[in-house]
Amino acid sequence: MLKQWLSGSGSTPLLLPRRDAYDVIAVLFPTTGSLLRFHARYALTMFTGKLPWSRVKVALYRRMGVKIGKGVYVAPWTYFDAMFPSLIELEDGCFIGGGCKLLTHEKNHAGFRIGRVRIGANSVIGAFSIVRSGVIIGSDVTTGLGSVVCKDVPDGRTALGNPARVLRREDADA
């Protein structure tokens, strides 16, 4: 099921429902090699996120499979999910603030969720914000400092808070 979803469009998040006789680790890491590769990616992700140089960081994230456009800036102390880095896409001109987390998977009460994260062109993700798996942030979007983005944000809007709510255009202009 996981391989089939990963090879498809992945436009909607995959939810592996919670069951007692269900071993998520066995599904995600069917071999010892896949588990070791994940730990290597995790170590590289943790190292990369702490680097102060955006160009080096962008190059390393691209090597891990993150799709990154031109002119993207990634601030220090960021965390890009090591489980499925190829599900993260940053379009041209994005700014990812310090301490941000982009997550492609999560374990919650319903089960295990996997989803793509896409940040549109010229969007700014405020420092210490968290973007949940399966969220698409449009172009020219701004998220406020420390926002937790759990739902898609349309183009040209501002989202802030925990959970982040999209401001009406009149509120954003004030």
Foldseek 3Di string as FASTA:
>chain_A
DVVVCVVDPQLAKDFDFDDPPDDVCCVLDVDPVSVVQLVVLQVLQQVLQQDQDQVVSVVSLVVLQAAEEPQEGEGHQEGEDSSCSNLEYEYAQEYEAHQEYEDQWDQDPGGIIGAHEYAEHNEYEAHNEYEYGSEYEYHCEYEYHNEHDDHYHYPNWYWYDVPTDTDDPVVVVD
